[in-house]
Each structure stands twice: as structure tokens, then as C-alpha cells.
Amino acid sequence: MPSKDEMNTLSQILNKFSAKGYDHEFRWTPEGFAFNDKTYQPEDLTIVKTYRFEGESNPSDMSILYLIKANDSLIGYSLDAYGVYSNHDDEEGYDNFIRQIPLKDNEEQLLFEL
């Protein structure tokens, strides 16, 4: 376990998610976030928490992990590498979609699209 001054790694956070049953990955599709056979729209979801990871020596370690709760009580995550290492076929669609998901206890949203 990291000390108070150490950063958590992506794998440590994903392991904690798994232990709590939050290991459902919301996958980006042009229709919205999908898990199994269900597709969710931004109004069906809430971002509970975000985690940003930045590698000290490797820019490919730059990623954001979103802990997301659906209105049907499913809790899972979406992982996004950012910068030139982003891995979504439709990056503008993903970015615009994630900006529309309300943040827990924060109703303010970005009012622009890419």
C-alpha cells in the first residue's frame, strides 16, 4: 500500500474497484457508453470520481479513470488515455459524451464541444 506521500497507480485503483465490485467497464460506442447489451446516455450516468495518472518518465502513462454510476445502480469505470495516446476511434465523440455526464455534487458542465 502506498504511503501518504506516494501516488496510487492505475492498477492499484483498478484492483480496489474490482474488490468492491466496480469492475464493469463502460465502453465507448457512437451510440453511448455500453456495458453488456445495454447502452447508456449521459443523463443515465453520474461521474462519482475521477483519477488522473501521469507517468514521471513515460508520456504514454497519461490517463484518466472515471468511476461512473448508472441510474440502474450499476457502478463501473471508463478509462481514457489522454493526449496523443488516446485510444478511442472517435475521440471527439468520447470527449463530448464524457463532458455531458453530470458530476456528483457538481451540476456545472462544460458548455462547449470539440
PDB file of N, CA and C in Angstrom:
ATOM      1  N   MET A   1       0.847  -1.178   0.000  1.00  0.00           N
ATOM      2  CA  MET A   1       0.000   0.000   0.000  1.00  0.00           C
ATOM      3  C   MET A   1       0.890   1.238   0.000  1.00  0.00           C
ATOM      4  N   PRO A   2       0.582   2.227  -0.864  1.00  0.00           N
ATOM      5  CA  PRO A   2       1.415   3.419  -0.903  1.00  0.00           C
ATOM      6  C   PRO A   2       1.344   4.197   0.410  1.00  0.00           C
ATOM      7  N   SER A   3       2.436   4.854   0.732  1.00  0.00           N
ATOM      8  CA  SER A   3       2.426   5.716   1.910  1.00  0.00           C
ATOM      9  C   SER A   3       1.612   6.965   1.590  1.00  0.00           C
ATOM     10  N   LYS A   4       1.417   7.794   2.586  1.00  0.00           N
ATOM     11  CA  LYS A   4       0.614   9.007   2.449  1.00  0.00           C
ATOM     12  C   LYS A   4       1.131   9.909   1.331  1.00  0.00           C
ATOM     13  N   ASP A   5       2.436   9.948   1.112  1.00  0.00           N
ATOM     14  CA  ASP A   5       3.030  10.843   0.133  1.00  0.00           C
ATOM     15  C   ASP A   5       3.181  10.224  -1.255  1.00  0.00           C
ATOM     16  N   GLU A   6       2.874   8.929  -1.406  1.00  0.00           N
ATOM     17  CA  GLU A   6       3.026   8.263  -2.692  1.00  0.00           C
ATOM     18  C   GLU A   6       1.722   8.309  -3.476  1.00  0.00           C
ATOM     19  N   MET A   7       1.861   8.302  -4.805  1.00  0.00           N
ATOM     20  CA  MET A   7       0.705   8.273  -5.683  1.00  0.00           C
ATOM     21  C   MET A   7       0.245   6.833  -5.850  1.00  0.00           C
ATOM     22  N   ASN A   8      -1.062   6.638  -5.963  1.00  0.00           N
ATOM     23  CA  ASN A   8      -1.594   5.326  -6.314  1.00  0.00           C
ATOM     24  C   ASN A   8      -1.361   5.099  -7.797  1.00  0.00           C
ATOM     25  N   THR A   9      -1.203   3.856  -8.173  1.00  0.00           N
ATOM     26  CA  THR A   9      -1.056   3.529  -9.587  1.00  0.00           C
ATOM     27  C   THR A   9      -2.430   3.146 -10.142  1.00  0.00           C
ATOM     28  N   LEU A  10      -2.520   3.150 -11.453  1.00  0.00           N
ATOM     29  CA  LEU A  10      -3.751   2.753 -12.122  1.00  0.00           C
ATOM     30  C   LEU A  10      -4.144   1.334 -11.720  1.00  0.00           C
ATOM     31  N   SER A  11      -3.193   0.432 -11.713  1.00  0.00           N
ATOM     32  CA  SER A  11      -3.514  -0.960 -11.371  1.00  0.00           C
ATOM     33  C   SER A  11      -3.990  -1.084  -9.924  1.00  0.00           C
ATOM     34  N   GLN A  12      -3.452  -0.289  -9.008  1.00  0.00           N
ATOM     35  CA  GLN A  12      -3.916  -0.334  -7.621  1.00  0.00           C
ATOM     36  C   GLN A  12      -5.371   0.117  -7.516  1.00  0.00           C
ATOM     37  N   ILE A  13      -5.717   1.178  -8.230  1.00  0.00           N
ATOM     38  CA  ILE A  13      -7.099   1.676  -8.195  1.00  0.00           C
ATOM     39  C   ILE A  13      -8.036   0.663  -8.842  1.00  0.00           C
ATOM     40  N   LEU A  14      -7.648   0.097  -9.986  1.00  0.00           N
ATOM     41  CA  LEU A  14      -8.495  -0.911 -10.634  1.00  0.00           C
ATOM     42  C   LEU A  14      -8.683  -2.134  -9.746  1.00  0.00           C
ATOM     43  N   ASN A  15      -7.657  -2.515  -8.991  1.00  0.00           N
ATOM     44  CA  ASN A  15      -7.789  -3.631  -8.049  1.00  0.00           C
ATOM     45  C   ASN A  15      -8.772  -3.294  -6.931  1.00  0.00           C
ATOM     46  N   LYS A  16      -8.744  -2.058  -6.446  1.00  0.00           N
ATOM     47  CA  LYS A  16      -9.705  -1.627  -5.420  1.00  0.00           C
ATOM     48  C   LYS A  16     -11.119  -1.652  -5.983  1.00  0.00           C
ATOM     49  N   PHE A  17     -11.282  -1.174  -7.228  1.00  0.00           N
ATOM     50  CA  PHE A  17     -12.596  -1.221  -7.880  1.00  0.00           C
ATOM     51  C   PHE A  17     -13.096  -2.658  -7.948  1.00  0.00           C
ATOM     52  N   SER A  18     -12.236  -3.550  -8.374  1.00  0.00           N
ATOM     53  CA  SER A  18     -12.612  -4.953  -8.523  1.00  0.00           C
ATOM     54  C   SER A  18     -13.040  -5.552  -7.181  1.00  0.00           C
ATOM     55  N   ALA A  19     -12.312  -5.235  -6.135  1.00  0.00           N
ATOM     56  CA  ALA A  19     -12.635  -5.751  -4.809  1.00  0.00           C
ATOM     57  C   ALA A  19     -14.001  -5.257  -4.331  1.00  0.00           C
ATOM     58  N   LYS A  20     -14.411  -4.068  -4.783  1.00  0.00           N
ATOM     59  CA  LYS A  20     -15.710  -3.514  -4.400  1.00  0.00           C
ATOM     60  C   LYS A  20     -16.816  -3.877  -5.386  1.00  0.00           C
ATOM     61  N   GLY A  21     -16.460  -4.606  -6.442  1.00  0.00           N
ATOM     62  CA  GLY A  21     -17.460  -4.973  -7.439  1.00  0.00           C
ATOM     63  C   GLY A  21     -17.708  -3.907  -8.486  1.00  0.00           C
ATOM     64  N   TYR A  22     -16.790  -2.966  -8.599  1.00  0.00           N
ATOM     65  CA  TYR A  22     -16.927  -1.859  -9.563  1.00  0.00           C
ATOM     66  C   TYR A  22     -16.107  -2.135 -10.826  1.00  0.00           C
ATOM     67  N   ASP A  23     -15.973  -3.384 -11.201  1.00  0.00           N
ATOM     68  CA  ASP A  23     -15.083  -3.737 -12.302  1.00  0.00           C
ATOM     69  C   ASP A  23     -15.805  -3.847 -13.649  1.00  0.00           C
ATOM     70  N   HIS A  24     -16.902  -3.127 -13.798  1.00  0.00           N
ATOM     71  CA  HIS A  24     -17.657  -3.108 -15.047  1.00  0.00           C
ATOM     72  C   HIS A  24     -17.127  -1.953 -15.907  1.00  0.00           C
ATOM     73  N   GLU A  25     -16.602  -2.268 -17.068  1.00  0.00           N
ATOM     74  CA  GLU A  25     -16.039  -1.217 -17.918  1.00  0.00           C
ATOM     75  C   GLU A  25     -17.090  -0.708 -18.895  1.00  0.00           C
ATOM     76  N   PHE A  26     -17.375   0.594 -18.798  1.00  0.00           N
ATOM     77  CA  PHE A  26     -18.233   1.252 -19.770  1.00  0.00           C
ATOM     78  C   PHE A  26     -17.395   1.509 -21.019  1.00  0.00           C
ATOM     79  N   ARG A  27     -17.806   0.921 -22.143  1.00  0.00           N
ATOM     80  CA  ARG A  27     -17.067   1.053 -23.398  1.00  0.00           C
ATOM     81  C   ARG A  27     -17.737   2.092 -24.280  1.00  0.00           C
ATOM     82  N   TRP A  28     -16.946   2.939 -24.913  1.00  0.00           N
ATOM     83  CA  TRP A  28     -17.460   3.972 -25.808  1.00  0.00           C
ATOM     84  C   TRP A  28     -17.908   3.356 -27.132  1.00  0.00           C
ATOM     85  N   THR A  29     -19.126   3.707 -27.549  1.00  0.00           N
ATOM     86  CA  THR A  29     -19.629   3.399 -28.889  1.00  0.00           C
ATOM     87  C   THR A  29     -20.244   4.687 -29.418  1.00  0.00           C
ATOM     88  N   PRO A  30     -20.455   4.810 -30.701  1.00  0.00           N
ATOM     89  CA  PRO A  30     -21.117   6.016 -31.227  1.00  0.00           C
ATOM     90  C   PRO A  30     -22.522   6.229 -30.652  1.00  0.00           C
ATOM     91  N   GLU A  31     -23.130   5.176 -30.108  1.00  0.00           N
ATOM     92  CA  GLU A  31     -24.467   5.299 -29.517  1.00  0.00           C
ATOM     93  C   GLU A  31     -24.423   5.692 -28.044  1.00  0.00           C
ATOM     94  N   GLY A  32     -23.269   5.655 -27.412  1.00  0.00           N
ATOM     95  CA  GLY A  32     -23.142   5.994 -25.995  1.00  0.00           C
ATOM     96  C   GLY A  32     -22.209   5.023 -25.294  1.00  0.00           C
ATOM     97  N   PHE A  33     -22.223   5.031 -23.965  1.00  0.00           N
ATOM     98  CA  PHE A  33     -21.426   4.085 -23.193  1.00  0.00           C
ATOM     99  C   PHE A  33     -22.192   2.772 -23.123  1.00  0.00           C
ATOM    100  N   ALA A  34     -21.498   1.681 -23.395  1.00  0.00           N
ATOM    101  CA  ALA A  34     -22.141   0.377 -23.392  1.00  0.00           C
ATOM    102  C   ALA A  34     -21.507  -0.527 -22.348  1.00  0.00           C
ATOM    103  N   PHE A  35     -22.371  -1.325 -21.723  1.00  0.00           N
ATOM    104  CA  PHE A  35     -21.921  -2.414 -20.868  1.00  0.00           C
ATOM    105  C   PHE A  35     -22.849  -3.578 -21.137  1.00  0.00           C
ATOM    106  N   ASN A  36     -22.269  -4.718 -21.465  1.00  0.00           N
ATOM    107  CA  ASN A  36     -23.029  -5.887 -21.921  1.00  0.00           C
ATOM    108  C   ASN A  36     -23.922  -5.460 -23.079  1.00  0.00           C
ATOM    109  N   ASP A  37     -25.217  -5.702 -22.978  1.00  0.00           N
ATOM    110  CA  ASP A  37     -26.119  -5.372 -24.084  1.00  0.00           C
ATOM    111  C   ASP A  37     -26.863  -4.057 -23.872  1.00  0.00           C
ATOM    112  N   LYS A  38     -26.469  -3.274 -22.887  1.00  0.00           N
ATOM    113  CA  LYS A  38     -27.176  -2.031 -22.584  1.00  0.00           C
ATOM    114  C   LYS A  38     -26.303  -0.833 -22.950  1.00  0.00           C
ATOM    115  N   THR A  39     -26.950   0.192 -23.504  1.00  0.00           N
ATOM    116  CA  THR A  39     -26.253   1.428 -23.854  1.00  0.00           C
ATOM    117  C   THR A  39     -26.817   2.558 -22.998  1.00  0.00           C
ATOM    118  N   TYR A  40     -25.919   3.375 -22.469  1.00  0.00           N
ATOM    119  CA  TYR A  40     -26.295   4.477 -21.577  1.00  0.00           C
ATOM    120  C   TYR A  40     -26.016   5.816 -22.247  1.00  0.00           C
ATOM    121  N   GLN A  41     -26.883   6.771 -21.972  1.00  0.00           N
ATOM    122  CA  GLN A  41     -26.705   8.148 -22.409  1.00  0.00           C
ATOM    123  C   GLN A  41     -26.192   8.967 -21.218  1.00  0.00           C
ATOM    124  N   PRO A  42     -25.654  10.177 -21.467  1.00  0.00           N
ATOM    125  CA  PRO A  42     -25.106  10.974 -20.357  1.00  0.00           C
ATOM    126  C   PRO A  42     -26.090  11.178 -19.207  1.00  0.00           C
ATOM    127  N   GLU A  43     -27.367  11.366 -19.534  1.00  0.00           N
ATOM    128  CA  GLU A  43     -28.355  11.602 -18.476  1.00  0.00           C
ATOM    129  C   GLU A  43     -28.631  10.350 -17.647  1.00  0.00           C
ATOM    130  N   ASP A  44     -28.162   9.183 -18.093  1.00  0.00           N
ATOM    131  CA  ASP A  44     -28.316   7.935 -17.355  1.00  0.00           C
ATOM    132  C   ASP A  44     -27.164   7.691 -16.382  1.00  0.00           C
ATOM    133  N   LEU A  45     -26.149   8.558 -16.407  1.00  0.00           N
ATOM    134  CA  LEU A  45     -24.894   8.319 -15.699  1.00  0.00           C
ATOM    135  C   LEU A  45     -24.523   9.492 -14.798  1.00  0.00           C
ATOM    136  N   THR A  46     -23.686   9.218 -13.817  1.00  0.00           N
ATOM    137  CA  THR A  46     -23.088  10.244 -12.965  1.00  0.00           C
ATOM    138  C   THR A  46     -21.628   9.876 -12.753  1.00  0.00           C
ATOM    139  N   ILE A  47     -20.742  10.846 -12.939  1.00  0.00           N
ATOM    140  CA  ILE A  47     -19.330  10.625 -12.617  1.00  0.00           C
ATOM    141  C   ILE A  47     -19.171  10.822 -11.121  1.00  0.00           C
ATOM    142  N   VAL A  48     -18.788   9.754 -10.432  1.00  0.00           N
ATOM    143  CA  VAL A  48     -18.645   9.775  -8.981  1.00  0.00           C
ATOM    144  C   VAL A  48     -17.278  10.329  -8.585  1.00  0.00           C
ATOM    145  N   LYS A  49     -16.253   9.932  -9.333  1.00  0.00           N
ATOM    146  CA  LYS A  49     -14.896  10.367  -9.009  1.00  0.00           C
ATOM    147  C   LYS A  49     -14.015  10.206 -10.233  1.00  0.00           C
ATOM    148  N   THR A  50     -12.998  11.052 -10.328  1.00  0.00           N
ATOM    149  CA  THR A  50     -12.014  10.919 -11.402  1.00  0.00           C
ATOM    150  C   THR A  50     -10.626  10.754 -10.788  1.00  0.00           C
ATOM    151  N   TYR A  51      -9.803  10.002 -11.486  1.00  0.00           N
ATOM    152  CA  TYR A  51      -8.411   9.779 -11.089  1.00  0.00           C
ATOM    153  C   TYR A  51      -7.543  10.106 -12.293  1.00  0.00           C
ATOM    154  N   ARG A  52      -6.552  10.929 -12.101  1.00  0.00           N
ATOM    155  CA  ARG A  52      -5.627  11.273 -13.182  1.00  0.00           C
ATOM    156  C   ARG A  52      -4.265  10.663 -12.874  1.00  0.00           C
ATOM    157  N   PHE A  53      -3.700  10.037 -13.898  1.00  0.00           N
ATOM    158  CA  PHE A  53      -2.399   9.397 -13.743  1.00  0.00           C
ATOM    159  C   PHE A  53      -1.432   9.993 -14.749  1.00  0.00           C
ATOM    160  N   GLU A  54      -0.252  10.360 -14.285  1.00  0.00           N
ATOM    161  CA  GLU A  54       0.778  10.911 -15.164  1.00  0.00           C
ATOM    162  C   GLU A  54       2.088  10.208 -14.843  1.00  0.00           C
ATOM    163  N   GLY A  55       2.631   9.546 -15.857  1.00  0.00           N
ATOM    164  CA  GLY A  55       3.901   8.855 -15.668  1.00  0.00           C
ATOM    165  C   GLY A  55       5.036   9.851 -15.541  1.00  0.00           C
ATOM    166  N   GLU A  56       5.956   9.590 -14.629  1.00  0.00           N
ATOM    167  CA  GLU A  56       7.076  10.510 -14.411  1.00  0.00           C
ATOM    168  C   GLU A  56       8.019  10.555 -15.599  1.00  0.00           C
ATOM    169  N   SER A  57       8.216   9.419 -16.259  1.00  0.00           N
ATOM    170  CA  SER A  57       9.190   9.401 -17.343  1.00  0.00           C
ATOM    171  C   SER A  57       8.598   8.940 -18.674  1.00  0.00           C
ATOM    172  N   ASN A  58       7.350   8.480 -18.675  1.00  0.00           N
ATOM    173  CA  ASN A  58       6.772   7.937 -19.888  1.00  0.00           C
ATOM    174  C   ASN A  58       5.447   8.624 -20.185  1.00  0.00           C
ATOM    175  N   PRO A  59       5.395   9.462 -21.219  1.00  0.00           N
ATOM    176  CA  PRO A  59       4.152  10.161 -21.541  1.00  0.00           C
ATOM    177  C   PRO A  59       2.995   9.225 -21.861  1.00  0.00           C
ATOM    178  N   SER A  60       3.259   7.984 -22.242  1.00  0.00           N
ATOM    179  CA  SER A  60       2.171   7.063 -22.554  1.00  0.00           C
ATOM    180  C   SER A  60       1.417   6.623 -21.301  1.00  0.00           C
ATOM    181  N   ASP A  61       1.921   6.973 -20.124  1.00  0.00           N
ATOM    182  CA  ASP A  61       1.251   6.640 -18.869  1.00  0.00           C
ATOM    183  C   ASP A  61       0.175   7.663 -18.494  1.00  0.00           C
ATOM    184  N   MET A  62      -0.084   8.625 -19.342  1.00  0.00           N
ATOM    185  CA  MET A  62      -1.055   9.666 -19.034  1.00  0.00           C
ATOM    186  C   MET A  62      -2.467   9.133 -19.299  1.00  0.00           C
ATOM    187  N   SER A  63      -3.281   9.054 -18.224  1.00  0.00           N
ATOM    188  CA  SER A  63      -4.634   8.554 -18.386  1.00  0.00           C
ATOM    189  C   SER A  63      -5.546   9.126 -17.311  1.00  0.00           C
ATOM    190  N   ILE A  64      -6.851   9.035 -17.592  1.00  0.00           N
ATOM    191  CA  ILE A  64      -7.882   9.440 -16.644  1.00  0.00           C
ATOM    192  C   ILE A  64      -8.819   8.266 -16.467  1.00  0.00           C
ATOM    193  N   LEU A  65      -9.117   7.951 -15.216  1.00  0.00           N
ATOM    194  CA  LEU A  65     -10.046   6.889 -14.882  1.00  0.00           C
ATOM    195  C   LEU A  65     -11.278   7.534 -14.250  1.00  0.00           C
ATOM    196  N   TYR A  66     -12.437   7.257 -14.822  1.00  0.00           N
ATOM    197  CA  TYR A  66     -13.696   7.798 -14.316  1.00  0.00           C
ATOM    198  C   TYR A  66     -14.458   6.690 -13.608  1.00  0.00           C
ATOM    199  N   LEU A  67     -14.842   6.905 -12.348  1.00  0.00           N
ATOM    200  CA  LEU A  67     -15.741   6.000 -11.646  1.00  0.00           C
ATOM    201  C   LEU A  67     -17.150   6.516 -11.921  1.00  0.00           C
ATOM    202  N   ILE A  68     -17.988   5.662 -12.501  1.00  0.00           N
ATOM    203  CA  ILE A  68     -19.291   6.091 -13.005  1.00  0.00           C
ATOM    204  C   ILE A  68     -20.397   5.228 -12.415  1.00  0.00           C
ATOM    205  N   LYS A  69     -21.504   5.881 -12.035  1.00  0.00           N
ATOM    206  CA  LYS A  69     -22.678   5.168 -11.558  1.00  0.00           C
ATOM    207  C   LYS A  69     -23.818   5.410 -12.533  1.00  0.00           C
ATOM    208  N   ALA A  70     -24.481   4.337 -12.942  1.00  0.00           N
ATOM    209  CA  ALA A  70     -25.641   4.423 -13.837  1.00  0.00           C
ATOM    210  C   ALA A  70     -26.919   4.535 -13.017  1.00  0.00           C
ATOM    211  N   ASN A  71     -27.979   5.033 -13.655  1.00  0.00           N
ATOM    212  CA  ASN A  71     -29.247   5.197 -12.948  1.00  0.00           C
ATOM    213  C   ASN A  71     -29.897   3.860 -12.579  1.00  0.00           C
ATOM    214  N   ASP A  72     -29.400   2.737 -13.112  1.00  0.00           N
ATOM    215  CA  ASP A  72     -29.891   1.417 -12.714  1.00  0.00           C
ATOM    216  C   ASP A  72     -29.001   0.793 -11.632  1.00  0.00           C
ATOM    217  N   SER A  73     -28.160   1.605 -10.991  1.00  0.00           N
ATOM    218  CA  SER A  73     -27.277   1.246  -9.867  1.00  0.00           C
ATOM    219  C   SER A  73     -25.997   0.518 -10.263  1.00  0.00           C
ATOM    220  N   LEU A  74     -25.782   0.282 -11.557  1.00  0.00           N
ATOM    221  CA  LEU A  74     -24.524  -0.308 -11.997  1.00  0.00           C
ATOM    222  C   LEU A  74     -23.399   0.698 -11.757  1.00  0.00           C
ATOM    223  N   ILE A  75     -22.318   0.252 -11.137  1.00  0.00           N
ATOM    224  CA  ILE A  75     -21.155   1.104 -10.922  1.00  0.00           C
ATOM    225  C   ILE A  75     -19.987   0.489 -11.666  1.00  0.00           C
ATOM    226  N   GLY A  76     -19.334   1.306 -12.460  1.00  0.00           N
ATOM    227  CA  GLY A  76     -18.200   0.841 -13.245  1.00  0.00           C
ATOM    228  C   GLY A  76     -17.255   1.976 -13.536  1.00  0.00           C
ATOM    229  N   TYR A  77     -16.503   1.820 -14.600  1.00  0.00           N
ATOM    230  CA  TYR A  77     -15.489   2.822 -14.915  1.00  0.00           C
ATOM    231  C   TYR A  77     -15.318   2.972 -16.419  1.00  0.00           C
ATOM    232  N   SER A  78     -14.695   4.083 -16.780  1.00  0.00           N
ATOM    233  CA  SER A  78     -14.219   4.299 -18.139  1.00  0.00           C
ATOM    234  C   SER A  78     -12.795   4.813 -18.019  1.00  0.00           C
ATOM    235  N   LEU A  79     -11.925   4.243 -18.811  1.00  0.00           N
ATOM    236  CA  LEU A  79     -10.514   4.622 -18.796  1.00  0.00           C
ATOM    237  C   LEU A  79     -10.188   5.322 -20.098  1.00  0.00           C
ATOM    238  N   ASP A  80      -9.543   6.487 -19.993  1.00  0.00           N
ATOM    239  CA  ASP A  80      -9.188   7.263 -21.174  1.00  0.00           C
ATOM    240  C   ASP A  80      -7.727   7.680 -21.081  1.00  0.00           C
ATOM    241  N   ALA A  81      -6.935   7.201 -22.020  1.00  0.00           N
ATOM    242  CA  ALA A  81      -5.586   7.747 -22.163  1.00  0.00           C
ATOM    243  C   ALA A  81      -5.764   9.114 -22.803  1.00  0.00           C
ATOM    244  N   TYR A  82      -5.000  10.095 -22.380  1.00  0.00           N
ATOM    245  CA  TYR A  82      -5.203  11.406 -22.990  1.00  0.00           C
ATOM    246  C   TYR A  82      -3.959  11.857 -23.718  1.00  0.00           C
ATOM    247  N   GLY A  83      -4.154  12.897 -24.497  1.00  0.00           N
ATOM    248  CA  GLY A  83      -3.065  13.367 -25.347  1.00  0.00           C
ATOM    249  C   GLY A  83      -2.983  12.503 -26.592  1.00  0.00           C
ATOM    250  N   VAL A  84      -1.808  12.395 -27.166  1.00  0.00           N
ATOM    251  CA  VAL A  84      -1.631  11.640 -28.401  1.00  0.00           C
ATOM    252  C   VAL A  84      -1.842  10.143 -28.211  1.00  0.00           C
ATOM    253  N   TYR A  85      -1.940   9.685 -26.966  1.00  0.00           N
ATOM    254  CA  TYR A  85      -2.083   8.262 -26.697  1.00  0.00           C
ATOM    255  C   TYR A  85      -3.528   7.825 -26.496  1.00  0.00           C
ATOM    256  N   SER A  86      -4.474   8.738 -26.712  1.00  0.00           N
ATOM    257  CA  SER A  86      -5.874   8.375 -26.562  1.00  0.00           C
ATOM    258  C   SER A  86      -6.208   7.220 -27.491  1.00  0.00           C
ATOM    259  N   ASN A  87      -7.072   6.321 -27.024  1.00  0.00           N
ATOM    260  CA  ASN A  87      -7.322   5.093 -27.772  1.00  0.00           C
ATOM    261  C   ASN A  87      -8.747   4.944 -28.281  1.00  0.00           C
ATOM    262  N   HIS A  88      -9.479   6.032 -28.412  1.00  0.00           N
ATOM    263  CA  HIS A  88     -10.845   5.961 -28.914  1.00  0.00           C
ATOM    264  C   HIS A  88     -10.854   6.263 -30.401  1.00  0.00           C
ATOM    265  N   ASP A  89     -11.589   5.449 -31.165  1.00  0.00           N
ATOM    266  CA  ASP A  89     -11.680   5.678 -32.607  1.00  0.00           C
ATOM    267  C   ASP A  89     -12.318   7.029 -32.915  1.00  0.00           C
ATOM    268  N   ASP A  90     -13.268   7.435 -32.093  1.00  0.00           N
ATOM    269  CA  ASP A  90     -13.972   8.700 -32.291  1.00  0.00           C
ATOM    270  C   ASP A  90     -13.726   9.576 -31.069  1.00  0.00           C
ATOM    271  N   GLU A  91     -12.506  10.104 -30.967  1.00  0.00           N
ATOM    272  CA  GLU A  91     -12.104  10.839 -29.765  1.00  0.00           C
ATOM    273  C   GLU A  91     -13.012  12.030 -29.491  1.00  0.00           C
ATOM    274  N   GLU A  92     -13.374  12.777 -30.521  1.00  0.00           N
ATOM    275  CA  GLU A  92     -14.247  13.930 -30.285  1.00  0.00           C
ATOM    276  C   GLU A  92     -15.589  13.484 -29.724  1.00  0.00           C
ATOM    277  N   GLY A  93     -16.108  12.359 -30.218  1.00  0.00           N
ATOM    278  CA  GLY A  93     -17.376  11.840 -29.704  1.00  0.00           C
ATOM    279  C   GLY A  93     -17.260  11.438 -28.243  1.00  0.00           C
ATOM    280  N   TYR A  94     -16.179  10.751 -27.886  1.00  0.00           N
ATOM    281  CA  TYR A  94     -15.960  10.340 -26.494  1.00  0.00           C
ATOM    282  C   TYR A  94     -15.831  11.574 -25.599  1.00  0.00           C
ATOM    283  N   ASP A  95     -14.983  12.508 -26.004  1.00  0.00           N
ATOM    284  CA  ASP A  95     -14.764  13.701 -25.185  1.00  0.00           C
ATOM    285  C   ASP A  95     -16.055  14.485 -24.983  1.00  0.00           C
ATOM    286  N   ASN A  96     -16.821  14.659 -26.040  1.00  0.00           N
ATOM    287  CA  ASN A  96     -18.077  15.394 -25.909  1.00  0.00           C
ATOM    288  C   ASN A  96     -19.068  14.637 -25.036  1.00  0.00           C
ATOM    289  N   PHE A  97     -19.103  13.316 -25.159  1.00  0.00           N
ATOM    290  CA  PHE A  97     -20.004  12.497 -24.353  1.00  0.00           C
ATOM    291  C   PHE A  97     -19.642  12.600 -22.871  1.00  0.00           C
ATOM    292  N   ILE A  98     -18.385  12.430 -22.534  1.00  0.00           N
ATOM    293  CA  ILE A  98     -17.969  12.428 -21.130  1.00  0.00           C
ATOM    294  C   ILE A  98     -18.214  13.795 -20.484  1.00  0.00           C
ATOM    295  N   ARG A  99     -18.103  14.866 -21.252  1.00  0.00           N
ATOM    296  CA  ARG A  99     -18.374  16.212 -20.725  1.00  0.00           C
ATOM    297  C   ARG A  99     -19.844  16.408 -20.377  1.00  0.00           C
ATOM    298  N   GLN A 100     -20.717  15.646 -20.979  1.00  0.00           N
ATOM    299  CA  GLN A 100     -22.152  15.782 -20.729  1.00  0.00           C
ATOM    300  C   GLN A 100     -22.633  15.005 -19.515  1.00  0.00           C
ATOM    301  N   ILE A 101     -21.798  14.112 -19.005  1.00  0.00           N
ATOM    302  CA  ILE A 101     -22.187  13.326 -17.833  1.00  0.00           C
ATOM    303  C   ILE A 101     -22.059  14.212 -16.592  1.00  0.00           C
ATOM    304  N   PRO A 102     -23.131  14.338 -15.820  1.00  0.00           N
ATOM    305  CA  PRO A 102     -23.035  15.174 -14.617  1.00  0.00           C
ATOM    306  C   PRO A 102     -22.039  14.613 -13.609  1.00  0.00           C
ATOM    307  N   LEU A 103     -21.416  15.515 -12.889  1.00  0.00           N
ATOM    308  CA  LEU A 103     -20.501  15.139 -11.818  1.00  0.00           C
ATOM    309  C   LEU A 103     -21.278  15.096 -10.510  1.00  0.00           C
ATOM    310  N   LYS A 104     -20.984  14.111  -9.684  1.00  0.00           N
ATOM    311  CA  LYS A 104     -21.650  14.014  -8.389  1.00  0.00           C
ATOM    312  C   LYS A 104     -21.425  15.298  -7.606  1.00  0.00           C
ATOM    313  N   ASP A 105     -22.522  15.862  -7.084  1.00  0.00           N
ATOM    314  CA  ASP A 105     -22.472  17.079  -6.273  1.00  0.00           C
ATOM    315  C   ASP A 105     -21.922  18.279  -7.032  1.00  0.00           C
ATOM    316  N   ASN A 106     -21.969  18.242  -8.357  1.00  0.00           N
ATOM    317  CA  ASN A 106     -21.481  19.370  -9.141  1.00  0.00           C
ATOM    318  C   ASN A 106     -22.294  19.441 -10.423  1.00  0.00           C
ATOM    319  N   GLU A 107     -23.215  20.375 -10.496  1.00  0.00           N
ATOM    320  CA  GLU A 107     -24.108  20.479 -11.630  1.00  0.00           C
ATOM    321  C   GLU A 107     -23.486  21.243 -12.803  1.00  0.00           C
ATOM    322  N   GLU A 108     -22.373  21.947 -12.559  1.00  0.00           N
ATOM    323  CA  GLU A 108     -21.768  22.711 -13.636  1.00  0.00           C
ATOM    324  C   GLU A 108     -21.147  21.784 -14.676  1.00  0.00           C
ATOM    325  N   GLN A 109     -21.361  22.081 -15.934  1.00  0.00           N
ATOM    326  CA  GLN A 109     -20.806  21.301 -17.022  1.00  0.00           C
ATOM    327  C   GLN A 109     -20.070  22.237 -17.982  1.00  0.00           C
ATOM    328  N   LEU A 110     -19.148  21.683 -18.728  1.00  0.00           N
ATOM    329  CA  LEU A 110     -18.509  22.459 -19.780  1.00  0.00           C
ATOM    330  C   LEU A 110     -19.546  22.711 -20.862  1.00  0.00           C
ATOM    331  N   LEU A 111     -19.605  23.926 -21.341  1.00  0.00           N
ATOM    332  CA  LEU A 111     -20.656  24.307 -22.273  1.00  0.00           C
ATOM    333  C   LEU A 111     -20.159  24.396 -23.699  1.00  0.00           C
ATOM    334  N   PHE A 112     -19.162  23.614 -24.048  1.00  0.00           N
ATOM    335  CA  PHE A 112     -18.662  23.633 -25.410  1.00  0.00           C
ATOM    336  C   PHE A 112     -18.352  22.225 -25.866  1.00  0.00           C
ATOM    337  N   GLU A 113     -18.262  22.077 -27.175  1.00  0.00           N
ATOM    338  CA  GLU A 113     -17.917  20.791 -27.751  1.00  0.00           C
ATOM    339  C   GLU A 113     -16.658  20.956 -28.589  1.00  0.00           C
ATOM    340  N   LEU A 114     -15.954  19.872 -28.813  1.00  0.00           N
ATOM    341  CA  LEU A 114     -14.775  19.894 -29.668  1.00  0.00           C
ATOM    342  C   LEU A 114     -15.191  19.940 -31.116  1.00  0.00           C
TER     343      LEU A 114
END
